[in-house]
Amino acid sequence: MIKILLATDYLLVVNFLASLALFLHCVFALNRMNHRSNHLVRAWYVISAVGAFGVITGPLYGYISPQPAEVISNVGVAGLLAGGWIYRNRRSTDIGEPR
C-alpha cells in the first residue's frame, strides 16, 4: 500500500493542494495587515508564503517527487490554519445559549 502511494503522484497532488491553501491563507492574511501589525507575524506570513510558492512552482523545474516529511509538514500547517479559519467562522454551526 505504501509503495503504491509513494510510487504514484498522490504525494505531489496532496503537497500542491496543501501548499496552495497555505499560500492563499498567507496572502489574504498579509492583505488584512496594516503598518501597526506585529512584524514577527508579518515576517512569518511572508516566509511561509514564499515557501509555499516555491512548492507550488516546483514541478515547473522538475521537482515532481516530494519527500513524505515535507508533505506531512505542509498538510499539518494547512490543517492548523484551516482549523483556525473554521473556528473563527463557526457562526452557522453555533447554536448558542437559549434566551
N, C-alpha and C. Protein backbone atom coordinates (compact mmCIF):
# COMPACT_ATOMS: atom_id res chain seq x y z
N MET A 1 0.82 -1.20 0.00
CA MET A 1 0.00 0.00 0.00
C MET A 1 0.87 1.26 0.00
N ILE A 2 1.86 1.27 0.89
CA ILE A 2 2.73 2.45 0.99
C ILE A 2 3.55 2.62 -0.30
N LYS A 3 4.03 1.50 -0.86
CA LYS A 3 4.81 1.60 -2.10
C LYS A 3 3.97 2.15 -3.24
N ILE A 4 2.71 1.73 -3.31
CA ILE A 4 1.83 2.24 -4.36
C ILE A 4 1.60 3.73 -4.17
N LEU A 5 1.39 4.13 -2.91
CA LEU A 5 1.14 5.54 -2.63
C LEU A 5 2.35 6.40 -2.95
N LEU A 6 3.54 5.90 -2.64
CA LEU A 6 4.75 6.66 -2.91
C LEU A 6 5.15 6.61 -4.38
N ALA A 7 4.75 5.56 -5.09
CA ALA A 7 5.14 5.42 -6.49
C ALA A 7 4.28 6.28 -7.41
N THR A 8 3.15 6.71 -6.97
CA THR A 8 2.26 7.50 -7.82
C THR A 8 2.42 8.98 -7.50
N ASP A 9 1.59 9.77 -8.12
CA ASP A 9 1.68 11.22 -7.95
C ASP A 9 0.75 11.74 -6.86
N TYR A 10 0.28 10.85 -5.99
CA TYR A 10 -0.61 11.30 -4.92
C TYR A 10 0.08 12.30 -4.00
N LEU A 11 1.33 12.02 -3.66
CA LEU A 11 2.04 12.93 -2.77
C LEU A 11 2.21 14.30 -3.41
N LEU A 12 2.46 14.32 -4.70
CA LEU A 12 2.62 15.60 -5.40
C LEU A 12 1.32 16.40 -5.39
N VAL A 13 0.20 15.73 -5.61
CA VAL A 13 -1.10 16.42 -5.63
C VAL A 13 -1.46 16.92 -4.24
N VAL A 14 -1.26 16.08 -3.22
CA VAL A 14 -1.58 16.48 -1.84
C VAL A 14 -0.69 17.64 -1.42
N ASN A 15 0.59 17.57 -1.75
CA ASN A 15 1.52 18.64 -1.41
C ASN A 15 1.16 19.93 -2.14
N PHE A 16 0.76 19.83 -3.39
CA PHE A 16 0.37 21.00 -4.16
C PHE A 16 -0.87 21.66 -3.56
N LEU A 17 -1.88 20.86 -3.21
CA LEU A 17 -3.11 21.43 -2.65
C LEU A 17 -2.87 22.06 -1.28
N ALA A 18 -2.07 21.39 -0.44
CA ALA A 18 -1.77 21.96 0.87
C ALA A 18 -0.98 23.25 0.74
N SER A 19 -0.03 23.28 -0.16
CA SER A 19 0.76 24.50 -0.36
C SER A 19 -0.07 25.62 -0.97
N LEU A 20 -1.00 25.27 -1.83
CA LEU A 20 -1.88 26.29 -2.40
C LEU A 20 -2.77 26.90 -1.32
N ALA A 21 -3.30 26.05 -0.43
CA ALA A 21 -4.12 26.57 0.67
C ALA A 21 -3.28 27.44 1.60
N LEU A 22 -2.06 27.01 1.90
CA LEU A 22 -1.17 27.79 2.76
C LEU A 22 -0.81 29.12 2.10
N PHE A 23 -0.50 29.10 0.82
CA PHE A 23 -0.14 30.32 0.11
C PHE A 23 -1.30 31.32 0.10
N LEU A 24 -2.49 30.84 -0.22
CA LEU A 24 -3.65 31.74 -0.25
C LEU A 24 -3.96 32.31 1.13
N HIS A 25 -3.85 31.48 2.16
CA HIS A 25 -4.09 31.98 3.51
C HIS A 25 -3.09 33.07 3.87
N CYS A 26 -1.82 32.84 3.55
CA CYS A 26 -0.80 33.84 3.87
C CYS A 26 -1.01 35.14 3.10
N VAL A 27 -1.36 35.03 1.84
CA VAL A 27 -1.60 36.24 1.04
C VAL A 27 -2.79 37.02 1.58
N PHE A 28 -3.87 36.32 1.92
CA PHE A 28 -5.05 37.00 2.46
C PHE A 28 -4.76 37.61 3.83
N ALA A 29 -3.96 36.93 4.66
CA ALA A 29 -3.61 37.49 5.96
C ALA A 29 -2.73 38.72 5.80
N LEU A 30 -1.79 38.68 4.87
CA LEU A 30 -0.95 39.86 4.63
C LEU A 30 -1.77 41.02 4.08
N ASN A 31 -2.79 40.72 3.33
CA ASN A 31 -3.65 41.76 2.78
C ASN A 31 -4.43 42.48 3.88
N ARG A 32 -4.76 41.78 4.97
CA ARG A 32 -5.50 42.40 6.07
C ARG A 32 -4.61 43.20 7.01
N MET A 33 -3.30 43.04 6.93
CA MET A 33 -2.40 43.70 7.87
C MET A 33 -2.19 45.16 7.48
N ASN A 34 -1.84 45.96 8.49
CA ASN A 34 -1.51 47.36 8.25
C ASN A 34 -0.14 47.66 8.86
N HIS A 35 0.23 48.93 8.93
CA HIS A 35 1.56 49.28 9.42
C HIS A 35 1.71 49.04 10.92
N ARG A 36 0.63 48.82 11.63
CA ARG A 36 0.71 48.57 13.07
C ARG A 36 0.73 47.08 13.41
N SER A 37 0.68 46.23 12.42
CA SER A 37 0.68 44.79 12.67
C SER A 37 2.04 44.35 13.21
N ASN A 38 2.02 43.26 13.95
CA ASN A 38 3.25 42.72 14.52
C ASN A 38 4.19 42.28 13.39
N HIS A 39 5.42 42.76 13.45
CA HIS A 39 6.36 42.50 12.36
C HIS A 39 6.83 41.05 12.34
N LEU A 40 6.90 40.40 13.49
CA LEU A 40 7.29 38.99 13.50
C LEU A 40 6.22 38.12 12.87
N VAL A 41 4.96 38.44 13.13
CA VAL A 41 3.86 37.70 12.50
C VAL A 41 3.87 37.96 10.99
N ARG A 42 4.10 39.19 10.62
CA ARG A 42 4.17 39.53 9.20
C ARG A 42 5.32 38.80 8.52
N ALA A 43 6.47 38.73 9.19
CA ALA A 43 7.61 38.01 8.63
C ALA A 43 7.31 36.52 8.49
N TRP A 44 6.60 35.94 9.48
CA TRP A 44 6.23 34.53 9.39
C TRP A 44 5.33 34.29 8.18
N TYR A 45 4.36 35.17 7.96
CA TYR A 45 3.46 35.01 6.81
C TYR A 45 4.22 35.16 5.50
N VAL A 46 5.15 36.09 5.43
CA VAL A 46 5.92 36.28 4.19
C VAL A 46 6.79 35.06 3.91
N ILE A 47 7.49 34.57 4.93
CA ILE A 47 8.35 33.40 4.74
C ILE A 47 7.53 32.17 4.38
N SER A 48 6.38 31.99 5.02
CA SER A 48 5.52 30.85 4.70
C SER A 48 4.96 30.96 3.28
N ALA A 49 4.59 32.16 2.88
CA ALA A 49 4.06 32.35 1.52
C ALA A 49 5.13 32.07 0.47
N VAL A 50 6.35 32.52 0.72
CA VAL A 50 7.44 32.28 -0.23
C VAL A 50 7.74 30.78 -0.32
N GLY A 51 7.76 30.09 0.82
CA GLY A 51 8.00 28.65 0.82
C GLY A 51 6.89 27.89 0.11
N ALA A 52 5.65 28.28 0.36
CA ALA A 52 4.53 27.62 -0.31
C ALA A 52 4.56 27.89 -1.81
N PHE A 53 4.92 29.10 -2.19
CA PHE A 53 5.02 29.42 -3.62
C PHE A 53 6.13 28.60 -4.28
N GLY A 54 7.21 28.37 -3.55
CA GLY A 54 8.28 27.52 -4.07
C GLY A 54 7.83 26.09 -4.29
N VAL A 55 7.00 25.58 -3.39
CA VAL A 55 6.47 24.22 -3.56
C VAL A 55 5.50 24.17 -4.72
N ILE A 56 4.68 25.22 -4.87
CA ILE A 56 3.71 25.26 -5.97
C ILE A 56 4.42 25.29 -7.32
N THR A 57 5.48 26.07 -7.44
CA THR A 57 6.18 26.18 -8.72
C THR A 57 7.25 25.12 -8.90
N GLY A 58 7.46 24.25 -7.93
CA GLY A 58 8.47 23.21 -8.02
C GLY A 58 8.34 22.29 -9.23
N PRO A 59 7.13 21.81 -9.56
CA PRO A 59 7.01 20.93 -10.73
C PRO A 59 7.42 21.58 -12.05
N LEU A 60 7.38 22.90 -12.13
CA LEU A 60 7.84 23.57 -13.35
C LEU A 60 9.33 23.38 -13.57
N TYR A 61 10.07 23.13 -12.49
CA TYR A 61 11.51 22.98 -12.58
C TYR A 61 11.96 21.54 -12.38
N GLY A 62 11.03 20.58 -12.48
CA GLY A 62 11.40 19.18 -12.42
C GLY A 62 11.31 18.53 -11.06
N TYR A 63 10.84 19.23 -10.06
CA TYR A 63 10.71 18.66 -8.71
C TYR A 63 9.34 17.99 -8.61
N ILE A 64 9.29 16.71 -8.97
CA ILE A 64 8.00 16.02 -9.02
C ILE A 64 7.89 14.88 -8.02
N SER A 65 8.85 14.72 -7.12
CA SER A 65 8.75 13.66 -6.12
C SER A 65 9.06 14.24 -4.74
N PRO A 66 8.06 14.82 -4.08
CA PRO A 66 8.31 15.42 -2.76
C PRO A 66 8.55 14.35 -1.70
N GLN A 67 9.30 14.71 -0.70
CA GLN A 67 9.56 13.80 0.41
C GLN A 67 8.32 13.69 1.28
N PRO A 68 8.05 12.51 1.85
CA PRO A 68 6.86 12.36 2.70
C PRO A 68 6.84 13.32 3.89
N ALA A 69 8.00 13.61 4.46
CA ALA A 69 8.05 14.53 5.60
C ALA A 69 7.63 15.94 5.19
N GLU A 70 7.99 16.35 3.99
CA GLU A 70 7.59 17.67 3.50
C GLU A 70 6.08 17.74 3.31
N VAL A 71 5.51 16.66 2.77
CA VAL A 71 4.06 16.62 2.56
C VAL A 71 3.34 16.66 3.90
N ILE A 72 3.81 15.89 4.87
CA ILE A 72 3.19 15.88 6.20
C ILE A 72 3.27 17.26 6.84
N SER A 73 4.42 17.92 6.69
CA SER A 73 4.58 19.26 7.25
C SER A 73 3.63 20.26 6.60
N ASN A 74 3.53 20.24 5.29
CA ASN A 74 2.64 21.17 4.60
C ASN A 74 1.18 20.91 4.93
N VAL A 75 0.79 19.64 4.98
CA VAL A 75 -0.60 19.31 5.32
C VAL A 75 -0.89 19.70 6.77
N GLY A 76 0.07 19.51 7.66
CA GLY A 76 -0.13 19.89 9.06
C GLY A 76 -0.32 21.38 9.24
N VAL A 77 0.51 22.17 8.60
CA VAL A 77 0.37 23.63 8.71
C VAL A 77 -0.92 24.10 8.06
N ALA A 78 -1.25 23.54 6.90
CA ALA A 78 -2.51 23.91 6.25
C ALA A 78 -3.70 23.49 7.11
N GLY A 79 -3.60 22.36 7.78
CA GLY A 79 -4.67 21.92 8.69
C GLY A 79 -4.82 22.83 9.89
N LEU A 80 -3.70 23.29 10.44
CA LEU A 80 -3.78 24.23 11.56
C LEU A 80 -4.44 25.53 11.14
N LEU A 81 -4.07 26.04 9.99
CA LEU A 81 -4.66 27.28 9.51
C LEU A 81 -6.13 27.09 9.16
N ALA A 82 -6.48 25.94 8.59
CA ALA A 82 -7.89 25.67 8.27
C ALA A 82 -8.70 25.52 9.55
N GLY A 83 -8.12 24.91 10.57
CA GLY A 83 -8.82 24.79 11.85
C GLY A 83 -9.10 26.14 12.47
N GLY A 84 -8.14 27.04 12.40
CA GLY A 84 -8.36 28.40 12.90
C GLY A 84 -9.42 29.13 12.11
N TRP A 85 -9.42 28.93 10.80
CA TRP A 85 -10.43 29.58 9.96
C TRP A 85 -11.82 29.04 10.27
N ILE A 86 -11.93 27.73 10.46
CA ILE A 86 -13.23 27.13 10.79
C ILE A 86 -13.70 27.60 12.16
N TYR A 87 -12.78 27.70 13.12
CA TYR A 87 -13.14 28.17 14.45
C TYR A 87 -13.64 29.62 14.41
N ARG A 88 -12.99 30.45 13.62
CA ARG A 88 -13.38 31.85 13.50
C ARG A 88 -14.72 32.03 12.81
N ASN A 89 -15.03 31.14 11.88
CA ASN A 89 -16.24 31.28 11.06
C ASN A 89 -17.26 30.21 11.39
N ARG A 90 -17.46 29.91 12.65
CA ARG A 90 -18.36 28.83 13.04
C ARG A 90 -19.77 29.32 13.37
N ARG A 91 -20.14 30.50 12.96
CA ARG A 91 -21.45 31.05 13.29
C ARG A 91 -22.59 30.17 12.81
N SER A 92 -22.44 29.52 11.67
CA SER A 92 -23.54 28.73 11.13
C SER A 92 -23.78 27.46 11.93
N THR A 93 -22.77 26.97 12.66
CA THR A 93 -22.95 25.76 13.45
C THR A 93 -23.11 26.04 14.93
N ASP A 94 -22.91 27.27 15.35
CA ASP A 94 -23.00 27.63 16.76
C ASP A 94 -24.46 27.92 17.12
N ILE A 95 -25.04 27.08 18.00
CA ILE A 95 -26.45 27.29 18.35
C ILE A 95 -26.60 28.27 19.50
N GLY A 96 -25.55 28.48 20.26
CA GLY A 96 -25.58 29.49 21.31
C GLY A 96 -26.41 29.11 22.52
N GLU A 97 -26.52 30.04 23.44
CA GLU A 97 -27.29 29.85 24.67
C GLU A 97 -28.77 30.09 24.42
N PRO A 98 -29.63 29.32 25.07
CA PRO A 98 -31.07 29.63 24.95
C PRO A 98 -31.38 30.94 25.64
N ARG A 99 -32.24 31.73 25.04
CA ARG A 99 -32.54 33.06 25.60
C ARG A 99 -33.90 33.11 26.20
